[in-house]
């Protein structure tokens, strides 16, 4: 499996009229998750989210590729 770099957001059973709408929905949910948290709490939520999603992906080579891309340019 290789890392998917194309927009791939969806919600089962929900119909979208614009390709960007599912990504907007995700961004809104992510921002809401961090609302009213301290910087430390927000960092903890991010760390937990990375670990949960990494476990869901499960493919170490895909995760390494994602980490390399995420770190690129810093």
PDB file of N, CA and C in Angstrom:
ATOM      1  N   UNK A   1       0.847  -1.170   0.000  1.00  0.00           N
ATOM      2  CA  UNK A   1       0.000   0.000   0.000  1.00  0.00           C
ATOM      3  C   UNK A   1       0.895   1.236   0.000  1.00  0.00           C
ATOM      4  N   UNK A   2       0.496   2.252  -0.730  1.00  0.00           N
ATOM      5  CA  UNK A   2       1.238   3.505  -0.701  1.00  0.00           C
ATOM      6  C   UNK A   2       0.362   4.596  -0.099  1.00  0.00           C
ATOM      7  N   UNK A   3       1.005   5.656   0.329  1.00  0.00           N
ATOM      8  CA  UNK A   3       0.309   6.760   0.977  1.00  0.00           C
ATOM      9  C   UNK A   3      -0.561   7.490  -0.032  1.00  0.00           C
ATOM     10  N   UNK A   4      -1.835   7.657   0.282  1.00  0.00           N
ATOM     11  CA  UNK A   4      -2.772   8.382  -0.581  1.00  0.00           C
ATOM     12  C   UNK A   4      -2.640   9.869  -0.284  1.00  0.00           C
ATOM     13  N   UNK A   5      -2.220  10.651  -1.268  1.00  0.00           N
ATOM     14  CA  UNK A   5      -2.046  12.084  -1.088  1.00  0.00           C
ATOM     15  C   UNK A   5      -3.183  12.893  -1.712  1.00  0.00           C
ATOM     16  N   UNK A   6      -4.180  12.205  -2.250  1.00  0.00           N
ATOM     17  CA  UNK A   6      -5.342  12.872  -2.827  1.00  0.00           C
ATOM     18  C   UNK A   6      -6.427  13.008  -1.753  1.00  0.00           C
ATOM     19  N   UNK A   7      -7.268  14.028  -1.903  1.00  0.00           N
ATOM     20  CA  UNK A   7      -8.382  14.190  -0.971  1.00  0.00           C
ATOM     21  C   UNK A   7      -9.219  12.908  -0.975  1.00  0.00           C
ATOM     22  N   UNK A   8      -9.488  12.387   0.209  1.00  0.00           N
ATOM     23  CA  UNK A   8     -10.138  11.075   0.312  1.00  0.00           C
ATOM     24  C   UNK A   8     -11.155  11.046   1.450  1.00  0.00           C
ATOM     25  N   UNK A   9     -11.678  12.196   1.828  1.00  0.00           N
ATOM     26  CA  UNK A   9     -12.625  12.272   2.936  1.00  0.00           C
ATOM     27  C   UNK A   9     -14.021  11.890   2.470  1.00  0.00           C
ATOM     28  N   UNK A  10     -14.733  11.191   3.310  1.00  0.00           N
ATOM     29  CA  UNK A  10     -16.127  10.857   3.023  1.00  0.00           C
ATOM     30  C   UNK A  10     -16.807  10.466   4.321  1.00  0.00           C
ATOM     31  N   UNK A  11     -18.109  10.404   4.269  1.00  0.00           N
ATOM     32  CA  UNK A  11     -18.892   9.934   5.403  1.00  0.00           C
ATOM     33  C   UNK A  11     -19.956   9.006   4.834  1.00  0.00           C
ATOM     34  N   UNK A  12     -19.934   7.736   5.231  1.00  0.00           N
ATOM     35  CA  UNK A  12     -20.889   6.784   4.663  1.00  0.00           C
ATOM     36  C   UNK A  12     -22.331   7.274   4.762  1.00  0.00           C
ATOM     37  N   UNK A  13     -23.044   7.163   3.671  1.00  0.00           N
ATOM     38  CA  UNK A  13     -24.448   7.539   3.632  1.00  0.00           C
ATOM     39  C   UNK A  13     -24.703   9.016   3.411  1.00  0.00           C
ATOM     40  N   UNK A  14     -23.654   9.824   3.396  1.00  0.00           N
ATOM     41  CA  UNK A  14     -23.829  11.264   3.203  1.00  0.00           C
ATOM     42  C   UNK A  14     -23.438  11.635   1.780  1.00  0.00           C
ATOM     43  N   UNK A  15     -24.281  12.428   1.143  1.00  0.00           N
ATOM     44  CA  UNK A  15     -24.031  12.849  -0.235  1.00  0.00           C
ATOM     45  C   UNK A  15     -23.497  14.277  -0.235  1.00  0.00           C
ATOM     46  N   UNK A  16     -22.408  14.486  -0.939  1.00  0.00           N
ATOM     47  CA  UNK A  16     -21.779  15.799  -1.006  1.00  0.00           C
ATOM     48  C   UNK A  16     -21.947  16.384  -2.402  1.00  0.00           C
ATOM     49  N   UNK A  17     -22.140  17.689  -2.465  1.00  0.00           N
ATOM     50  CA  UNK A  17     -22.313  18.359  -3.747  1.00  0.00           C
ATOM     51  C   UNK A  17     -21.033  19.006  -4.242  1.00  0.00           C
ATOM     52  N   UNK A  18     -20.047  19.158  -3.364  1.00  0.00           N
ATOM     53  CA  UNK A  18     -18.752  19.714  -3.736  1.00  0.00           C
ATOM     54  C   UNK A  18     -17.664  18.787  -3.220  1.00  0.00           C
ATOM     55  N   UNK A  19     -16.615  18.592  -4.003  1.00  0.00           N
ATOM     56  CA  UNK A  19     -15.544  17.669  -3.623  1.00  0.00           C
ATOM     57  C   UNK A  19     -14.827  18.102  -2.348  1.00  0.00           C
ATOM     58  N   UNK A  20     -14.777  19.398  -2.064  1.00  0.00           N
ATOM     59  CA  UNK A  20     -14.052  19.884  -0.891  1.00  0.00           C
ATOM     60  C   UNK A  20     -14.872  19.806   0.394  1.00  0.00           C
ATOM     61  N   UNK A  21     -16.159  19.612   0.316  1.00  0.00           N
ATOM     62  CA  UNK A  21     -17.036  19.650   1.486  1.00  0.00           C
ATOM     63  C   UNK A  21     -16.662  18.620   2.559  1.00  0.00           C
ATOM     64  N   UNK A  22     -16.362  17.361   2.217  1.00  0.00           N
ATOM     65  CA  UNK A  22     -15.993  16.418   3.281  1.00  0.00           C
ATOM     66  C   UNK A  22     -14.737  16.853   4.030  1.00  0.00           C
ATOM     67  N   UNK A  23     -13.773  17.421   3.315  1.00  0.00           N
ATOM     68  CA  UNK A  23     -12.566  17.930   3.971  1.00  0.00           C
ATOM     69  C   UNK A  23     -12.892  19.084   4.903  1.00  0.00           C
ATOM     70  N   UNK A  24     -13.798  19.946   4.479  1.00  0.00           N
ATOM     71  CA  UNK A  24     -14.240  21.049   5.329  1.00  0.00           C
ATOM     72  C   UNK A  24     -14.927  20.515   6.588  1.00  0.00           C
ATOM     73  N   UNK A  25     -15.741  19.480   6.431  1.00  0.00           N
ATOM     74  CA  UNK A  25     -16.414  18.870   7.584  1.00  0.00           C
ATOM     75  C   UNK A  25     -15.398  18.311   8.574  1.00  0.00           C
ATOM     76  N   UNK A  26     -14.360  17.649   8.039  1.00  0.00           N
ATOM     77  CA  UNK A  26     -13.314  17.104   8.909  1.00  0.00           C
ATOM     78  C   UNK A  26     -12.595  18.230   9.634  1.00  0.00           C
ATOM     79  N   UNK A  27     -12.222  19.283   8.912  1.00  0.00           N
ATOM     80  CA  UNK A  27     -11.502  20.405   9.517  1.00  0.00           C
ATOM     81  C   UNK A  27     -12.339  21.034  10.638  1.00  0.00           C
ATOM     82  N   UNK A  28     -13.623  21.209  10.392  1.00  0.00           N
ATOM     83  CA  UNK A  28     -14.519  21.776  11.413  1.00  0.00           C
ATOM     84  C   UNK A  28     -14.553  20.887  12.654  1.00  0.00           C
ATOM     85  N   UNK A  29     -14.634  19.569  12.456  1.00  0.00           N
ATOM     86  CA  UNK A  29     -14.649  18.634  13.588  1.00  0.00           C
ATOM     87  C   UNK A  29     -13.322  18.679  14.348  1.00  0.00           C
ATOM     88  N   UNK A  30     -12.225  18.801  13.626  1.00  0.00           N
ATOM     89  CA  UNK A  30     -10.904  18.870  14.258  1.00  0.00           C
ATOM     90  C   UNK A  30     -10.765  20.137  15.095  1.00  0.00           C
ATOM     91  N   UNK A  31     -11.182  21.261  14.539  1.00  0.00           N
ATOM     92  CA  UNK A  31     -11.128  22.518  15.279  1.00  0.00           C
ATOM     93  C   UNK A  31     -12.016  22.447  16.523  1.00  0.00           C
ATOM     94  N   UNK A  32     -13.201  21.865  16.374  1.00  0.00           N
ATOM     95  CA  UNK A  32     -14.120  21.735  17.514  1.00  0.00           C
ATOM     96  C   UNK A  32     -13.517  20.844  18.607  1.00  0.00           C
ATOM     97  N   UNK A  33     -12.782  19.821  18.213  1.00  0.00           N
ATOM     98  CA  UNK A  33     -12.127  18.929  19.170  1.00  0.00           C
ATOM     99  C   UNK A  33     -11.140  19.694  20.045  1.00  0.00           C
ATOM    100  N   UNK A  34     -10.505  20.721  19.488  1.00  0.00           N
ATOM    101  CA  UNK A  34      -9.492  21.487  20.217  1.00  0.00           C
ATOM    102  C   UNK A  34     -10.061  22.713  20.939  1.00  0.00           C
ATOM    103  N   UNK A  35     -11.334  23.025  20.702  1.00  0.00           N
ATOM    104  CA  UNK A  35     -11.933  24.225  21.294  1.00  0.00           C
ATOM    105  C   UNK A  35     -11.855  24.180  22.824  1.00  0.00           C
ATOM    106  N   UNK A  36     -11.438  25.286  23.401  1.00  0.00           N
ATOM    107  CA  UNK A  36     -11.368  25.484  24.853  1.00  0.00           C
ATOM    108  C   UNK A  36     -10.327  24.623  25.563  1.00  0.00           C
ATOM    109  N   UNK A  37      -9.387  24.051  24.831  1.00  0.00           N
ATOM    110  CA  UNK A  37      -8.312  23.281  25.460  1.00  0.00           C
ATOM    111  C   UNK A  37      -7.082  24.169  25.639  1.00  0.00           C
ATOM    112  N   UNK A  38      -6.302  23.886  26.657  1.00  0.00           N
ATOM    113  CA  UNK A  38      -5.014  24.568  26.823  1.00  0.00           C
ATOM    114  C   UNK A  38      -4.067  24.057  25.743  1.00  0.00           C
ATOM    115  N   UNK A  39      -2.930  24.724  25.581  1.00  0.00           N
ATOM    116  CA  UNK A  39      -1.939  24.260  24.611  1.00  0.00           C
ATOM    117  C   UNK A  39      -1.477  22.841  24.933  1.00  0.00           C
ATOM    118  N   UNK A  40      -1.302  22.565  26.212  1.00  0.00           N
ATOM    119  CA  UNK A  40      -0.854  21.231  26.633  1.00  0.00           C
ATOM    120  C   UNK A  40      -1.916  20.176  26.335  1.00  0.00           C
ATOM    121  N   UNK A  41      -3.176  20.487  26.626  1.00  0.00           N
ATOM    122  CA  UNK A  41      -4.271  19.550  26.335  1.00  0.00           C
ATOM    123  C   UNK A  41      -4.409  19.327  24.826  1.00  0.00           C
ATOM    124  N   UNK A  42      -4.261  20.398  24.054  1.00  0.00           N
ATOM    125  CA  UNK A  42      -4.350  20.292  22.603  1.00  0.00           C
ATOM    126  C   UNK A  42      -3.237  19.410  22.044  1.00  0.00           C
ATOM    127  N   UNK A  43      -2.026  19.579  22.573  1.00  0.00           N
ATOM    128  CA  UNK A  43      -0.904  18.735  22.141  1.00  0.00           C
ATOM    129  C   UNK A  43      -1.167  17.271  22.492  1.00  0.00           C
ATOM    130  N   UNK A  44      -1.766  17.016  23.644  1.00  0.00           N
ATOM    131  CA  UNK A  44      -2.090  15.646  24.056  1.00  0.00           C
ATOM    132  C   UNK A  44      -3.151  15.045  23.132  1.00  0.00           C
ATOM    133  N   UNK A  45      -4.162  15.835  22.786  1.00  0.00           N
ATOM    134  CA  UNK A  45      -5.187  15.358  21.846  1.00  0.00           C
ATOM    135  C   UNK A  45      -4.535  15.012  20.509  1.00  0.00           C
ATOM    136  N   UNK A  46      -3.644  15.870  20.031  1.00  0.00           N
ATOM    137  CA  UNK A  46      -2.960  15.591  18.761  1.00  0.00           C
ATOM    138  C   UNK A  46      -2.151  14.300  18.837  1.00  0.00           C
ATOM    139  N   UNK A  47      -1.424  14.115  19.926  1.00  0.00           N
ATOM    140  CA  UNK A  47      -0.616  12.906  20.081  1.00  0.00           C
ATOM    141  C   UNK A  47      -1.496  11.656  20.095  1.00  0.00           C
ATOM    142  N   UNK A  48      -2.594  11.703  20.843  1.00  0.00           N
ATOM    143  CA  UNK A  48      -3.510  10.566  20.888  1.00  0.00           C
ATOM    144  C   UNK A  48      -4.127  10.291  19.520  1.00  0.00           C
ATOM    145  N   UNK A  49      -4.500  11.369  18.826  1.00  0.00           N
ATOM    146  CA  UNK A  49      -5.107  11.223  17.503  1.00  0.00           C
ATOM    147  C   UNK A  49      -4.130  10.590  16.514  1.00  0.00           C
ATOM    148  N   UNK A  50      -2.866  11.023  16.554  1.00  0.00           N
ATOM    149  CA  UNK A  50      -1.843  10.426  15.681  1.00  0.00           C
ATOM    150  C   UNK A  50      -1.711   8.936  15.964  1.00  0.00           C
ATOM    151  N   UNK A  51      -1.664   8.563  17.229  1.00  0.00           N
ATOM    152  CA  UNK A  51      -1.513   7.146  17.578  1.00  0.00           C
ATOM    153  C   UNK A  51      -2.743   6.328  17.186  1.00  0.00           C
ATOM    154  N   UNK A  52      -3.931   6.862  17.423  1.00  0.00           N
ATOM    155  CA  UNK A  52      -5.153   6.143  17.041  1.00  0.00           C
ATOM    156  C   UNK A  52      -5.235   5.927  15.532  1.00  0.00           C
ATOM    157  N   UNK A  53      -4.978   6.985  14.765  1.00  0.00           N
ATOM    158  CA  UNK A  53      -5.060   6.870  13.305  1.00  0.00           C
ATOM    159  C   UNK A  53      -3.926   6.018  12.751  1.00  0.00           C
ATOM    160  N   UNK A  54      -2.753   6.103  13.355  1.00  0.00           N
ATOM    161  CA  UNK A  54      -1.636   5.258  12.919  1.00  0.00           C
ATOM    162  C   UNK A  54      -1.959   3.785  13.133  1.00  0.00           C
ATOM    163  N   UNK A  55      -2.566   3.475  14.261  1.00  0.00           N
ATOM    164  CA  UNK A  55      -2.974   2.099  14.520  1.00  0.00           C
ATOM    165  C   UNK A  55      -4.017   1.649  13.507  1.00  0.00           C
ATOM    166  N   UNK A  56      -4.920   2.545  13.151  1.00  0.00           N
ATOM    167  CA  UNK A  56      -5.950   2.213  12.177  1.00  0.00           C
ATOM    168  C   UNK A  56      -5.329   1.933  10.806  1.00  0.00           C
ATOM    169  N   UNK A  57      -4.348   2.740  10.403  1.00  0.00           N
ATOM    170  CA  UNK A  57      -3.663   2.524   9.121  1.00  0.00           C
ATOM    171  C   UNK A  57      -2.867   1.229   9.185  1.00  0.00           C
ATOM    172  N   UNK A  58      -2.046   1.102  10.222  1.00  0.00           N
ATOM    173  CA  UNK A  58      -1.352  -0.144  10.486  1.00  0.00           C
ATOM    174  C   UNK A  58      -0.135  -0.463   9.636  1.00  0.00           C
ATOM    175  N   UNK A  59      -0.036   0.059   8.445  1.00  0.00           N
ATOM    176  CA  UNK A  59       1.064  -0.252   7.525  1.00  0.00           C
ATOM    177  C   UNK A  59       2.250   0.655   7.843  1.00  0.00           C
ATOM    178  N   UNK A  60       3.308   0.066   8.416  1.00  0.00           N
ATOM    179  CA  UNK A  60       4.469   0.836   8.856  1.00  0.00           C
ATOM    180  C   UNK A  60       5.117   1.590   7.697  1.00  0.00           C
ATOM    181  N   UNK A  61       5.175   1.007   6.517  1.00  0.00           N
ATOM    182  CA  UNK A  61       5.802   1.704   5.391  1.00  0.00           C
ATOM    183  C   UNK A  61       5.001   2.955   5.004  1.00  0.00           C
ATOM    184  N   UNK A  62       3.682   2.877   5.062  1.00  0.00           N
ATOM    185  CA  UNK A  62       2.843   4.044   4.772  1.00  0.00           C
ATOM    186  C   UNK A  62       3.048   5.097   5.860  1.00  0.00           C
ATOM    187  N   UNK A  63       3.120   4.675   7.104  1.00  0.00           N
ATOM    188  CA  UNK A  63       3.329   5.612   8.204  1.00  0.00           C
ATOM    189  C   UNK A  63       4.691   6.289   8.102  1.00  0.00           C
ATOM    190  N   UNK A  64       5.726   5.536   7.730  1.00  0.00           N
ATOM    191  CA  UNK A  64       7.054   6.143   7.544  1.00  0.00           C
ATOM    192  C   UNK A  64       7.025   7.173   6.426  1.00  0.00           C
ATOM    193  N   UNK A  65       6.351   6.847   5.341  1.00  0.00           N
ATOM    194  CA  UNK A  65       6.237   7.788   4.230  1.00  0.00           C
ATOM    195  C   UNK A  65       5.518   9.057   4.679  1.00  0.00           C
ATOM    196  N   UNK A  66       4.445   8.911   5.434  1.00  0.00           N
ATOM    197  CA  UNK A  66       3.702  10.065   5.927  1.00  0.00           C
ATOM    198  C   UNK A  66       4.564  10.920   6.856  1.00  0.00           C
ATOM    199  N   UNK A  67       5.332  10.289   7.740  1.00  0.00           N
ATOM    200  CA  UNK A  67       6.190  11.039   8.644  1.00  0.00           C
ATOM    201  C   UNK A  67       7.271  11.796   7.886  1.00  0.00           C
ATOM    202  N   UNK A  68       7.826  11.163   6.866  1.00  0.00           N
ATOM    203  CA  UNK A  68       8.856  11.813   6.060  1.00  0.00           C
ATOM    204  C   UNK A  68       8.284  13.038   5.339  1.00  0.00           C
ATOM    205  N   UNK A  69       7.102  12.895   4.763  1.00  0.00           N
ATOM    206  CA  UNK A  69       6.451  14.017   4.067  1.00  0.00           C
ATOM    207  C   UNK A  69       6.104  15.125   5.073  1.00  0.00           C
ATOM    208  N   UNK A  70       5.564  14.743   6.236  1.00  0.00           N
ATOM    209  CA  UNK A  70       5.172  15.730   7.242  1.00  0.00           C
ATOM    210  C   UNK A  70       6.370  16.531   7.754  1.00  0.00           C
ATOM    211  N   UNK A  71       7.500  15.888   7.850  1.00  0.00           N
ATOM    212  CA  UNK A  71       8.710  16.556   8.351  1.00  0.00           C
ATOM    213  C   UNK A  71       9.404  17.368   7.264  1.00  0.00           C
ATOM    214  N   UNK A  72       9.156  17.043   6.027  1.00  0.00           N
ATOM    215  CA  UNK A  72       9.815  17.723   4.906  1.00  0.00           C
ATOM    216  C   UNK A  72       9.629  19.228   4.939  1.00  0.00           C
ATOM    217  N   UNK A  73      10.688  19.941   4.630  1.00  0.00           N
ATOM    218  CA  UNK A  73      10.622  21.384   4.560  1.00  0.00           C
ATOM    219  C   UNK A  73      10.713  22.109   5.890  1.00  0.00           C
ATOM    220  N   UNK A  74      10.860  21.370   6.977  1.00  0.00           N
ATOM    221  CA  UNK A  74      10.968  22.026   8.298  1.00  0.00           C
ATOM    222  C   UNK A  74      12.415  22.253   8.674  1.00  0.00           C
TER     223      UNK A  74
END
